[in-house]
Amino acid sequence: MDKFKGALMVGALRLFAKLPWGAVQRVGAAIGWIMWKVPNSSRNVVRINLAKCFPEMDPAERERLVGRTLMDIGKSFTESACAWIWPAQRSIDLVREVEGLEVLHEALASGKGVVGITSHLGNWEVLNHFYCSQCKPIIFYRPPKLKAVDDLLREQRVQLGNRVAASTKEGILSIIKEVRKGGQVGIPADPEPAESAGVFVPFFATRALTSKFVPNMLAGGKAVGVFLHALRLPDGSGFKVILEAAPDAMYSTDVETSAAAMSKVVERYVRAYPSQYMWSMKRFKKRPPGETRWY
């Protein structure tokens, strides 16, 4: 059954990738609109997350944000299909604006390992190709459940001579070794870790279990951190990539200080582009002691 599901999913991705870019955007938005109007678990998670993170927002305004978020999630899916199927350069050509590229160049020239830090904001698959066009990092990722999709991603994410590492013990060790020898890696900052691998730090109007992985690699200035995001342009024509140096607090040897600083940067970007965040993630599944579960 999984083979059938995998083949079906890969077939759908290839179909989306055949569409003109404008149609990719429209189909993605339509998928998201249906998700907004038809009861489903993703809509429920988005509503819960937004209610908890934006308690001050007017309920009607927040529901409109639910709709915009789901339509952007739909776009992320169809856009990512293109990024997974197309030659990498075709996705890179959709990057219309770049801000802060000198930050990455300075980090690469430092002689230290470089940790590219991103989040589930905008389109991280397009960002992957852009980042890999600038250097040859190891990209850290959580494998999808369907093997056929994982095989496709492993093939397409390494088109530019970079490597990938799954979120396994072996993958984590390969990332650490790469940074220690002065190489480059790419890591999402916001997937919820195991409780032993994270700390609860402020994120919006709540606290979120946040990985210690990046803070531990940057501690004491052992490596250089660079934030990267590819944000969808308002006219749908492509993306703007923004790069930013990790703040000084992220180099603290106190892991909670560093993780809180990382979370603060991610929150600032999400506040600027709230509908482009993957609010359908169960980002807050684990709660601090004494708090009730959200989902």
C-alpha atoms as a PDB file:
ATOM      1  CA  MET A   1       0.000   0.000   0.000  1.00  0.00           C
ATOM      2  CA  ASP A   2       2.832   2.403   0.853  1.00  0.00           C
ATOM      3  CA  LYS A   3       4.402   1.779  -2.565  1.00  0.00           C
ATOM      4  CA  PHE A   4       1.097   2.664  -4.213  1.00  0.00           C
ATOM      5  CA  LYS A   5       0.703   5.795  -2.087  1.00  0.00           C
ATOM      6  CA  GLY A   6       4.275   6.797  -2.840  1.00  0.00           C
ATOM      7  CA  ALA A   7       3.847   6.329  -6.573  1.00  0.00           C
ATOM      8  CA  LEU A   8       0.611   8.317  -6.462  1.00  0.00           C
ATOM      9  CA  MET A   9       2.241  11.171  -4.562  1.00  0.00           C
ATOM     10  CA  VAL A  10       5.275  11.328  -6.850  1.00  0.00           C
ATOM     11  CA  GLY A  11       2.931  11.286  -9.858  1.00  0.00           C
ATOM     12  CA  ALA A  12       0.996  14.234  -8.417  1.00  0.00           C
ATOM     13  CA  LEU A  13       4.222  16.151  -7.799  1.00  0.00           C
ATOM     14  CA  ARG A  14       5.325  15.595 -11.386  1.00  0.00           C
ATOM     15  CA  LEU A  15       1.942  16.796 -12.615  1.00  0.00           C
ATOM     16  CA  PHE A  16       2.153  20.036 -10.609  1.00  0.00           C
ATOM     17  CA  ALA A  17       5.679  20.601 -11.936  1.00  0.00           C
ATOM     18  CA  LYS A  18       4.362  20.622 -15.515  1.00  0.00           C
ATOM     19  CA  LEU A  19       2.129  23.642 -14.855  1.00  0.00           C
ATOM     20  CA  PRO A  20       3.095  27.229 -15.740  1.00  0.00           C
ATOM     21  CA  TRP A  21       4.246  29.165 -12.664  1.00  0.00           C
ATOM     22  CA  GLY A  22       1.078  31.241 -12.469  1.00  0.00           C
ATOM     23  CA  ALA A  23      -1.010  28.071 -12.470  1.00  0.00           C
ATOM     24  CA  VAL A  24       1.238  26.565  -9.783  1.00  0.00           C
ATOM     25  CA  GLN A  25       0.329  29.522  -7.577  1.00  0.00           C
ATOM     26  CA  ARG A  26      -3.382  29.408  -8.372  1.00  0.00           C
ATOM     27  CA  VAL A  27      -3.699  25.653  -7.877  1.00  0.00           C
ATOM     28  CA  GLY A  28      -1.824  25.877  -4.585  1.00  0.00           C
ATOM     29  CA  ALA A  29      -4.067  28.690  -3.377  1.00  0.00           C
ATOM     30  CA  ALA A  30      -7.148  26.681  -4.403  1.00  0.00           C
ATOM     31  CA  ILE A  31      -5.943  23.644  -2.453  1.00  0.00           C
ATOM     32  CA  GLY A  32      -5.445  25.869   0.579  1.00  0.00           C
ATOM     33  CA  TRP A  33      -8.867  27.491   0.180  1.00  0.00           C
ATOM     34  CA  ILE A  34     -10.511  24.057   0.171  1.00  0.00           C
ATOM     35  CA  MET A  35      -8.536  23.170   3.316  1.00  0.00           C
ATOM     36  CA  TRP A  36      -9.928  26.321   4.903  1.00  0.00           C
ATOM     37  CA  LYS A  37     -13.550  25.622   4.004  1.00  0.00           C
ATOM     38  CA  VAL A  38     -13.708  21.843   4.492  1.00  0.00           C
ATOM     39  CA  PRO A  39     -13.177  20.443   8.017  1.00  0.00           C
ATOM     40  CA  ASN A  40      -9.769  18.782   8.359  1.00  0.00           C
ATOM     41  CA  SER A  41      -7.029  18.291  10.952  1.00  0.00           C
ATOM     42  CA  SER A  42      -4.629  20.808   9.366  1.00  0.00           C
ATOM     43  CA  ARG A  43      -7.212  23.583   9.675  1.00  0.00           C
ATOM     44  CA  ASN A  44      -7.781  22.639  13.304  1.00  0.00           C
ATOM     45  CA  VAL A  45      -4.062  22.796  14.098  1.00  0.00           C
ATOM     46  CA  VAL A  46      -3.679  26.176  12.368  1.00  0.00           C
ATOM     47  CA  ARG A  47      -6.601  27.593  14.350  1.00  0.00           C
ATOM     48  CA  ILE A  48      -5.229  26.300  17.655  1.00  0.00           C
ATOM     49  CA  ASN A  49      -1.699  27.584  16.994  1.00  0.00           C
ATOM     50  CA  LEU A  50      -2.848  31.027  15.902  1.00  0.00           C
ATOM     51  CA  ALA A  51      -5.257  31.374  18.839  1.00  0.00           C
ATOM     52  CA  LYS A  52      -2.484  30.541  21.297  1.00  0.00           C
ATOM     53  CA  CYS A  53       0.212  32.639  19.599  1.00  0.00           C
ATOM     54  CA  PHE A  54      -1.941  35.687  18.747  1.00  0.00           C
ATOM     55  CA  PRO A  55      -4.426  35.904  21.652  1.00  0.00           C
ATOM     56  CA  GLU A  56      -4.613  39.676  21.231  1.00  0.00           C
ATOM     57  CA  MET A  57      -5.840  39.430  17.629  1.00  0.00           C
ATOM     58  CA  ASP A  58      -9.492  40.065  16.809  1.00  0.00           C
ATOM     59  CA  PRO A  59     -11.137  36.631  16.202  1.00  0.00           C
ATOM     60  CA  ALA A  60     -12.475  37.631  12.773  1.00  0.00           C
ATOM     61  CA  GLU A  61      -9.059  38.922  11.734  1.00  0.00           C
ATOM     62  CA  ARG A  62      -7.440  35.754  13.044  1.00  0.00           C
ATOM     63  CA  GLU A  63      -9.829  33.578  11.022  1.00  0.00           C
ATOM     64  CA  ARG A  64      -8.884  35.528   7.898  1.00  0.00           C
ATOM     65  CA  LEU A  65      -5.257  34.774   8.762  1.00  0.00           C
ATOM     66  CA  VAL A  66      -6.205  31.083   9.016  1.00  0.00           C
ATOM     67  CA  GLY A  67      -7.467  31.288   5.440  1.00  0.00           C
ATOM     68  CA  ARG A  68      -4.410  33.116   4.121  1.00  0.00           C
ATOM     69  CA  THR A  69      -2.138  30.680   5.959  1.00  0.00           C
ATOM     70  CA  LEU A  70      -3.780  27.612   4.456  1.00  0.00           C
ATOM     71  CA  MET A  71      -3.648  29.138   0.977  1.00  0.00           C
ATOM     72  CA  ASP A  72       0.061  29.847   1.450  1.00  0.00           C
ATOM     73  CA  ILE A  73       0.563  26.292   2.701  1.00  0.00           C
ATOM     74  CA  GLY A  74      -1.119  25.084  -0.493  1.00  0.00           C
ATOM     75  CA  LYS A  75       1.238  27.256  -2.527  1.00  0.00           C
ATOM     76  CA  SER A  76       4.226  25.902  -0.612  1.00  0.00           C
ATOM     77  CA  PHE A  77       3.179  22.388  -1.584  1.00  0.00           C
ATOM     78  CA  THR A  78       2.775  23.054  -5.310  1.00  0.00           C
ATOM     79  CA  GLU A  79       5.896  25.267  -5.400  1.00  0.00           C
ATOM     80  CA  SER A  80       7.891  22.555  -3.657  1.00  0.00           C
ATOM     81  CA  ALA A  81       6.714  20.021  -6.237  1.00  0.00           C
ATOM     82  CA  CYS A  82       8.416  22.194  -8.835  1.00  0.00           C
ATOM     83  CA  ALA A  83      11.566  22.534  -6.726  1.00  0.00           C
ATOM     84  CA  TRP A  84      11.709  18.742  -6.358  1.00  0.00           C
ATOM     85  CA  ILE A  85      11.153  17.964 -10.051  1.00  0.00           C
ATOM     86  CA  TRP A  86      12.720  20.848 -11.968  1.00  0.00           C
ATOM     87  CA  PRO A  87      16.446  21.325 -12.576  1.00  0.00           C
ATOM     88  CA  ALA A  88      17.770  23.335  -9.620  1.00  0.00           C
ATOM     89  CA  GLN A  89      18.639  26.415 -11.677  1.00  0.00           C
ATOM     90  CA  ARG A  90      15.019  26.874 -12.696  1.00  0.00           C
ATOM     91  CA  SER A  91      14.054  27.269  -9.035  1.00  0.00           C
ATOM     92  CA  ILE A  92      17.032  29.553  -8.365  1.00  0.00           C
ATOM     93  CA  ASP A  93      15.851  31.802 -11.214  1.00  0.00           C
ATOM     94  CA  LEU A  94      12.659  32.438  -9.204  1.00  0.00           C
ATOM     95  CA  VAL A  95      14.724  34.283  -6.595  1.00  0.00           C
ATOM     96  CA  ARG A  96      14.072  37.861  -7.732  1.00  0.00           C
ATOM     97  CA  GLU A  97      15.661  39.683  -4.795  1.00  0.00           C
ATOM     98  CA  VAL A  98      18.459  38.898  -2.353  1.00  0.00           C
ATOM     99  CA  GLU A  99      19.181  40.852   0.826  1.00  0.00           C
ATOM    100  CA  GLY A 100      22.230  40.293   3.001  1.00  0.00           C
ATOM    101  CA  LEU A 101      24.234  37.946   0.763  1.00  0.00           C
ATOM    102  CA  GLU A 102      27.418  39.549   2.080  1.00  0.00           C
ATOM    103  CA  VAL A 103      26.631  38.007   5.479  1.00  0.00           C
ATOM    104  CA  LEU A 104      26.999  34.517   4.018  1.00  0.00           C
ATOM    105  CA  HIS A 105      30.123  35.473   2.085  1.00  0.00           C
ATOM    106  CA  GLU A 106      31.744  36.818   5.268  1.00  0.00           C
ATOM    107  CA  ALA A 107      30.812  33.654   7.145  1.00  0.00           C
ATOM    108  CA  LEU A 108      32.295  31.458   4.413  1.00  0.00           C
ATOM    109  CA  ALA A 109      35.496  33.520   4.466  1.00  0.00           C
ATOM    110  CA  SER A 110      35.857  33.184   8.255  1.00  0.00           C
ATOM    111  CA  GLY A 111      37.472  29.766   8.061  1.00  0.00           C
ATOM    112  CA  LYS A 112      34.980  28.393  10.576  1.00  0.00           C
ATOM    113  CA  GLY A 113      32.118  26.021  10.001  1.00  0.00           C
ATOM    114  CA  VAL A 114      28.932  27.740   8.827  1.00  0.00           C
ATOM    115  CA  VAL A 115      25.504  26.818  10.169  1.00  0.00           C
ATOM    116  CA  GLY A 116      22.739  27.996   7.851  1.00  0.00           C
ATOM    117  CA  ILE A 117      19.624  28.380  10.013  1.00  0.00           C
ATOM    118  CA  THR A 118      16.133  28.499   8.566  1.00  0.00           C
ATOM    119  CA  SER A 119      12.543  27.737   9.584  1.00  0.00           C
ATOM    120  CA  HIS A 120       9.305  26.562   7.993  1.00  0.00           C
ATOM    121  CA  LEU A 121       8.607  30.032   6.641  1.00  0.00           C
ATOM    122  CA  GLY A 122       8.177  30.891   2.956  1.00  0.00           C
ATOM    123  CA  ASN A 123       9.581  28.157   0.724  1.00  0.00           C
ATOM    124  CA  TRP A 124      12.528  26.249   2.170  1.00  0.00           C
ATOM    125  CA  GLU A 125      12.892  24.026  -0.910  1.00  0.00           C
ATOM    126  CA  VAL A 126      13.667  27.006  -3.143  1.00  0.00           C
ATOM    127  CA  LEU A 127      15.931  28.271  -0.365  1.00  0.00           C
ATOM    128  CA  ASN A 128      17.743  24.926  -0.356  1.00  0.00           C
ATOM    129  CA  HIS A 129      18.699  25.330  -4.015  1.00  0.00           C
ATOM    130  CA  PHE A 130      19.766  28.948  -3.503  1.00  0.00           C
ATOM    131  CA  TYR A 131      21.929  28.094  -0.480  1.00  0.00           C
ATOM    132  CA  CYS A 132      23.508  25.176  -2.300  1.00  0.00           C
ATOM    133  CA  SER A 133      24.348  27.454  -5.232  1.00  0.00           C
ATOM    134  CA  GLN A 134      26.495  29.523  -2.856  1.00  0.00           C
ATOM    135  CA  CYS A 135      28.345  26.676  -1.115  1.00  0.00           C
ATOM    136  CA  LYS A 136      28.135  22.903  -0.725  1.00  0.00           C
ATOM    137  CA  PRO A 137      26.390  22.282   2.594  1.00  0.00           C
ATOM    138  CA  ILE A 138      24.938  19.180   4.146  1.00  0.00           C
ATOM    139  CA  ILE A 139      21.180  19.756   4.425  1.00  0.00           C
ATOM    140  CA  PHE A 140      19.583  18.296   7.541  1.00  0.00           C
ATOM    141  CA  TYR A 141      16.012  17.046   7.139  1.00  0.00           C
ATOM    142  CA  ARG A 142      13.307  14.784   8.536  1.00  0.00           C
ATOM    143  CA  PRO A 143      12.552  12.007   6.016  1.00  0.00           C
ATOM    144  CA  PRO A 144       8.937  11.750   4.816  1.00  0.00           C
ATOM    145  CA  LYS A 145       7.085   8.553   5.683  1.00  0.00           C
ATOM    146  CA  LEU A 146       6.716   7.414   2.058  1.00  0.00           C
ATOM    147  CA  LYS A 147       9.932   5.885   0.728  1.00  0.00           C
ATOM    148  CA  ALA A 148       9.228   6.924  -2.878  1.00  0.00           C
ATOM    149  CA  VAL A 149       8.955  10.562  -1.813  1.00  0.00           C
ATOM    150  CA  ASP A 150      12.090  10.305   0.343  1.00  0.00           C
ATOM    151  CA  ASP A 151      14.006   8.800  -2.590  1.00  0.00           C
ATOM    152  CA  LEU A 152      12.873  11.673  -4.813  1.00  0.00           C
ATOM    153  CA  LEU A 153      13.879  14.301  -2.248  1.00  0.00           C
ATOM    154  CA  ARG A 154      17.264  12.726  -1.653  1.00  0.00           C
ATOM    155  CA  GLU A 155      17.928  12.821  -5.398  1.00  0.00           C
ATOM    156  CA  GLN A 156      16.604  16.319  -6.087  1.00  0.00           C
ATOM    157  CA  ARG A 157      18.040  18.045  -3.028  1.00  0.00           C
ATOM    158  CA  VAL A 158      21.611  17.168  -4.044  1.00  0.00           C
ATOM    159  CA  GLN A 159      21.529  18.436  -7.628  1.00  0.00           C
ATOM    160  CA  LEU A 160      24.201  21.055  -6.943  1.00  0.00           C
ATOM    161  CA  GLY A 161      26.829  18.763  -5.433  1.00  0.00           C
ATOM    162  CA  ASN A 162      25.762  19.136  -1.818  1.00  0.00           C
ATOM    163  CA  ARG A 163      24.729  16.324   0.517  1.00  0.00           C
ATOM    164  CA  VAL A 164      21.743  15.558   2.744  1.00  0.00           C
ATOM    165  CA  ALA A 165      21.549  14.063   6.218  1.00  0.00           C
ATOM    166  CA  ALA A 166      18.417  12.550   7.697  1.00  0.00           C
ATOM    167  CA  SER A 167      17.495  13.321  11.312  1.00  0.00           C
ATOM    168  CA  THR A 168      19.023  10.103  12.638  1.00  0.00           C
ATOM    169  CA  LYS A 169      21.968   9.547  14.981  1.00  0.00           C
ATOM    170  CA  GLU A 170      24.203   9.052  11.940  1.00  0.00           C
ATOM    171  CA  GLY A 171      22.852  12.192  10.295  1.00  0.00           C
ATOM    172  CA  ILE A 172      23.411  14.285  13.406  1.00  0.00           C
ATOM    173  CA  LEU A 173      26.994  13.040  13.704  1.00  0.00           C
ATOM    174  CA  SER A 174      27.694  13.853  10.050  1.00  0.00           C
ATOM    175  CA  ILE A 175      26.429  17.410  10.594  1.00  0.00           C
ATOM    176  CA  ILE A 176      28.600  17.906  13.675  1.00  0.00           C
ATOM    177  CA  LYS A 177      31.688  16.533  11.910  1.00  0.00           C
ATOM    178  CA  GLU A 178      31.097  18.780   8.897  1.00  0.00           C
ATOM    179  CA  VAL A 179      30.900  21.900  11.035  1.00  0.00           C
ATOM    180  CA  ARG A 180      33.947  20.942  13.098  1.00  0.00           C
ATOM    181  CA  LYS A 181      36.070  20.598   9.966  1.00  0.00           C
ATOM    182  CA  GLY A 182      34.976  24.020   8.674  1.00  0.00           C
ATOM    183  CA  GLY A 183      32.228  22.923   6.288  1.00  0.00           C
ATOM    184  CA  GLN A 184      28.691  24.217   5.846  1.00  0.00           C
ATOM    185  CA  VAL A 185      25.331  22.795   6.917  1.00  0.00           C
ATOM    186  CA  GLY A 186      21.681  23.808   6.687  1.00  0.00           C
ATOM    187  CA  ILE A 187      19.338  23.186   9.611  1.00  0.00           C
ATOM    188  CA  PRO A 188      15.692  24.140  10.279  1.00  0.00           C
ATOM    189  CA  ALA A 189      15.418  25.754  13.715  1.00  0.00           C
ATOM    190  CA  ASP A 190      11.775  25.017  14.437  1.00  0.00           C
ATOM    191  CA  PRO A 191      10.932  21.279  14.308  1.00  0.00           C
ATOM    192  CA  GLU A 192       9.995  20.161  17.802  1.00  0.00           C
ATOM    193  CA  PRO A 193      12.775  17.954  19.260  1.00  0.00           C
ATOM    194  CA  ALA A 194      12.644  15.226  21.863  1.00  0.00           C
ATOM    195  CA  GLU A 195      12.366  16.704  25.351  1.00  0.00           C
ATOM    196  CA  SER A 196      15.908  15.627  26.184  1.00  0.00           C
ATOM    197  CA  ALA A 197      17.212  17.461  23.106  1.00  0.00           C
ATOM    198  CA  GLY A 198      15.454  20.772  23.681  1.00  0.00           C
ATOM    199  CA  VAL A 199      14.617  23.571  26.095  1.00  0.00           C
ATOM    200  CA  PHE A 200      11.404  25.557  26.529  1.00  0.00           C
ATOM    201  CA  VAL A 201      11.950  29.176  25.499  1.00  0.00           C
ATOM    202  CA  PRO A 202       9.613  32.077  24.628  1.00  0.00           C
ATOM    203  CA  PHE A 203       7.962  31.968  21.217  1.00  0.00           C
ATOM    204  CA  PHE A 204       5.086  34.398  20.575  1.00  0.00           C
ATOM    205  CA  ALA A 205       2.653  34.422  23.516  1.00  0.00           C
ATOM    206  CA  THR A 206       3.789  31.023  24.763  1.00  0.00           C
ATOM    207  CA  ARG A 207       6.859  28.832  25.219  1.00  0.00           C
ATOM    208  CA  ALA A 208       8.019  26.249  22.708  1.00  0.00           C
ATOM    209  CA  LEU A 209      10.326  23.276  23.054  1.00  0.00           C
ATOM    210  CA  THR A 210      13.304  24.341  20.949  1.00  0.00           C
ATOM    211  CA  SER A 211      16.238  22.255  19.766  1.00  0.00           C
ATOM    212  CA  LYS A 212      19.647  22.597  21.410  1.00  0.00           C
ATOM    213  CA  PHE A 213      21.352  21.342  18.242  1.00  0.00           C
ATOM    214  CA  VAL A 214      22.216  24.717  16.685  1.00  0.00           C
ATOM    215  CA  PRO A 215      23.026  26.437  20.009  1.00  0.00           C
ATOM    216  CA  ASN A 216      25.462  23.665  20.904  1.00  0.00           C
ATOM    217  CA  MET A 217      27.272  23.989  17.571  1.00  0.00           C
ATOM    218  CA  LEU A 218      27.610  27.783  17.883  1.00  0.00           C
ATOM    219  CA  ALA A 219      28.492  27.874  21.598  1.00  0.00           C
ATOM    220  CA  GLY A 220      31.588  29.948  22.283  1.00  0.00           C
ATOM    221  CA  GLY A 221      31.971  30.921  18.627  1.00  0.00           C
ATOM    222  CA  LYS A 222      32.970  27.454  17.422  1.00  0.00           C
ATOM    223  CA  ALA A 223      31.016  28.075  14.198  1.00  0.00           C
ATOM    224  CA  VAL A 224      29.259  30.971  12.453  1.00  0.00           C
ATOM    225  CA  GLY A 225      25.468  31.139  12.253  1.00  0.00           C
ATOM    226  CA  VAL A 226      23.553  32.666   9.335  1.00  0.00           C
ATOM    227  CA  PHE A 227      19.763  32.882   9.111  1.00  0.00           C
ATOM    228  CA  LEU A 228      18.277  32.322   5.648  1.00  0.00           C
ATOM    229  CA  HIS A 229      14.672  32.540   4.429  1.00  0.00           C
ATOM    230  CA  ALA A 230      13.032  32.582   0.987  1.00  0.00           C
ATOM    231  CA  LEU A 231       9.851  34.655   1.247  1.00  0.00           C
ATOM    232  CA  ARG A 232       7.082  34.628  -1.333  1.00  0.00           C
ATOM    233  CA  LEU A 233       6.732  37.965  -3.163  1.00  0.00           C
ATOM    234  CA  PRO A 234       3.281  39.607  -2.999  1.00  0.00           C
ATOM    235  CA  ASP A 235       2.785  39.469  -6.775  1.00  0.00           C
ATOM    236  CA  GLY A 236       3.477  35.714  -6.896  1.00  0.00           C
ATOM    237  CA  SER A 237       6.358  36.150  -9.339  1.00  0.00           C
ATOM    238  CA  GLY A 238       8.941  34.446  -7.153  1.00  0.00           C
ATOM    239  CA  PHE A 239      10.865  34.913  -3.929  1.00  0.00           C
ATOM    240  CA  LYS A 240      13.040  37.248  -1.926  1.00  0.00           C
ATOM    241  CA  VAL A 241      15.898  35.603  -0.037  1.00  0.00           C
ATOM    242  CA  ILE A 242      16.906  37.349   3.185  1.00  0.00           C
ATOM    243  CA  LEU A 243      20.123  36.481   5.004  1.00  0.00           C
ATOM    244  CA  GLU A 244      21.046  37.709   8.474  1.00  0.00           C
ATOM    245  CA  ALA A 245      23.904  37.074  10.880  1.00  0.00           C
ATOM    246  CA  ALA A 246      23.019  35.176  14.041  1.00  0.00           C
ATOM    247  CA  PRO A 247      22.867  37.575  17.014  1.00  0.00           C
ATOM    248  CA  ASP A 248      25.668  37.608  19.583  1.00  0.00           C
ATOM    249  CA  ALA A 249      23.449  35.908  22.179  1.00  0.00           C
ATOM    250  CA  MET A 250      23.371  32.766  20.043  1.00  0.00           C
ATOM    251  CA  TYR A 251      27.080  32.248  20.722  1.00  0.00           C
ATOM    252  CA  SER A 252      26.462  32.035  24.456  1.00  0.00           C
ATOM    253  CA  THR A 253      27.620  28.879  26.196  1.00  0.00           C
ATOM    254  CA  ASP A 254      24.315  28.901  28.073  1.00  0.00           C
ATOM    255  CA  VAL A 255      22.077  26.800  25.849  1.00  0.00           C
ATOM    256  CA  GLU A 256      18.833  28.397  27.051  1.00  0.00           C
ATOM    257  CA  THR A 257      20.141  31.893  26.273  1.00  0.00           C
ATOM    258  CA  SER A 258      21.214  30.797  22.804  1.00  0.00           C
ATOM    259  CA  ALA A 259      17.976  28.928  22.039  1.00  0.00           C
ATOM    260  CA  ALA A 260      15.887  31.897  23.201  1.00  0.00           C
ATOM    261  CA  ALA A 261      17.857  34.216  20.923  1.00  0.00           C
ATOM    262  CA  MET A 262      17.323  31.855  17.984  1.00  0.00           C
ATOM    263  CA  SER A 263      13.612  31.631  18.735  1.00  0.00           C
ATOM    264  CA  LYS A 264      13.384  35.432  18.903  1.00  0.00           C
ATOM    265  CA  VAL A 265      14.836  35.796  15.396  1.00  0.00           C
ATOM    266  CA  VAL A 266      12.436  33.212  13.970  1.00  0.00           C
ATOM    267  CA  GLU A 267       9.504  34.919  15.691  1.00  0.00           C
ATOM    268  CA  ARG A 268      10.485  38.280  14.190  1.00  0.00           C
ATOM    269  CA  TYR A 269      10.419  36.840  10.681  1.00  0.00           C
ATOM    270  CA  VAL A 270       7.138  35.024  11.255  1.00  0.00           C
ATOM    271  CA  ARG A 271       5.517  38.197  12.600  1.00  0.00           C
ATOM    272  CA  ALA A 272       6.594  40.001   9.435  1.00  0.00           C
ATOM    273  CA  TYR A 273       5.174  37.247   7.169  1.00  0.00           C
ATOM    274  CA  PRO A 274       2.613  35.441   9.375  1.00  0.00           C
ATOM    275  CA  SER A 275       0.629  33.683   6.647  1.00  0.00           C
ATOM    276  CA  GLN A 276       3.797  32.182   5.149  1.00  0.00           C
ATOM    277  CA  TYR A 277       4.591  30.137   8.266  1.00  0.00           C
ATOM    278  CA  MET A 278       3.719  26.449   8.419  1.00  0.00           C
ATOM    279  CA  TRP A 279       1.201  26.859  11.240  1.00  0.00           C
ATOM    280  CA  SER A 280      -0.187  23.402  10.399  1.00  0.00           C
ATOM    281  CA  MET A 281       2.843  21.867  12.152  1.00  0.00           C
ATOM    282  CA  LYS A 282       2.158  20.584  15.644  1.00  0.00           C
ATOM    283  CA  ARG A 283       4.939  22.865  16.790  1.00  0.00           C
ATOM    284  CA  PHE A 284       3.666  22.969  20.377  1.00  0.00           C
ATOM    285  CA  LYS A 285       2.825  19.291  20.898  1.00  0.00           C
ATOM    286  CA  LYS A 286       5.001  19.003  24.004  1.00  0.00           C
ATOM    287  CA  ARG A 287       4.169  21.441  26.796  1.00  0.00           C
ATOM    288  CA  PRO A 288       6.017  22.604  29.916  1.00  0.00           C
ATOM    289  CA  PRO A 289       5.226  20.672  33.114  1.00  0.00           C
ATOM    290  CA  GLY A 290       1.736  21.389  34.361  1.00  0.00           C
ATOM    291  CA  GLU A 291       0.345  22.665  31.023  1.00  0.00           C
ATOM    292  CA  THR A 292      -2.394  20.818  29.189  1.00  0.00           C
ATOM    293  CA  ARG A 293      -1.832  19.484  25.676  1.00  0.00           C
ATOM    294  CA  TRP A 294      -3.024  21.618  22.784  1.00  0.00           C
ATOM    295  CA  TYR A 295      -3.803  18.888  20.268  1.00  0.00           C
END
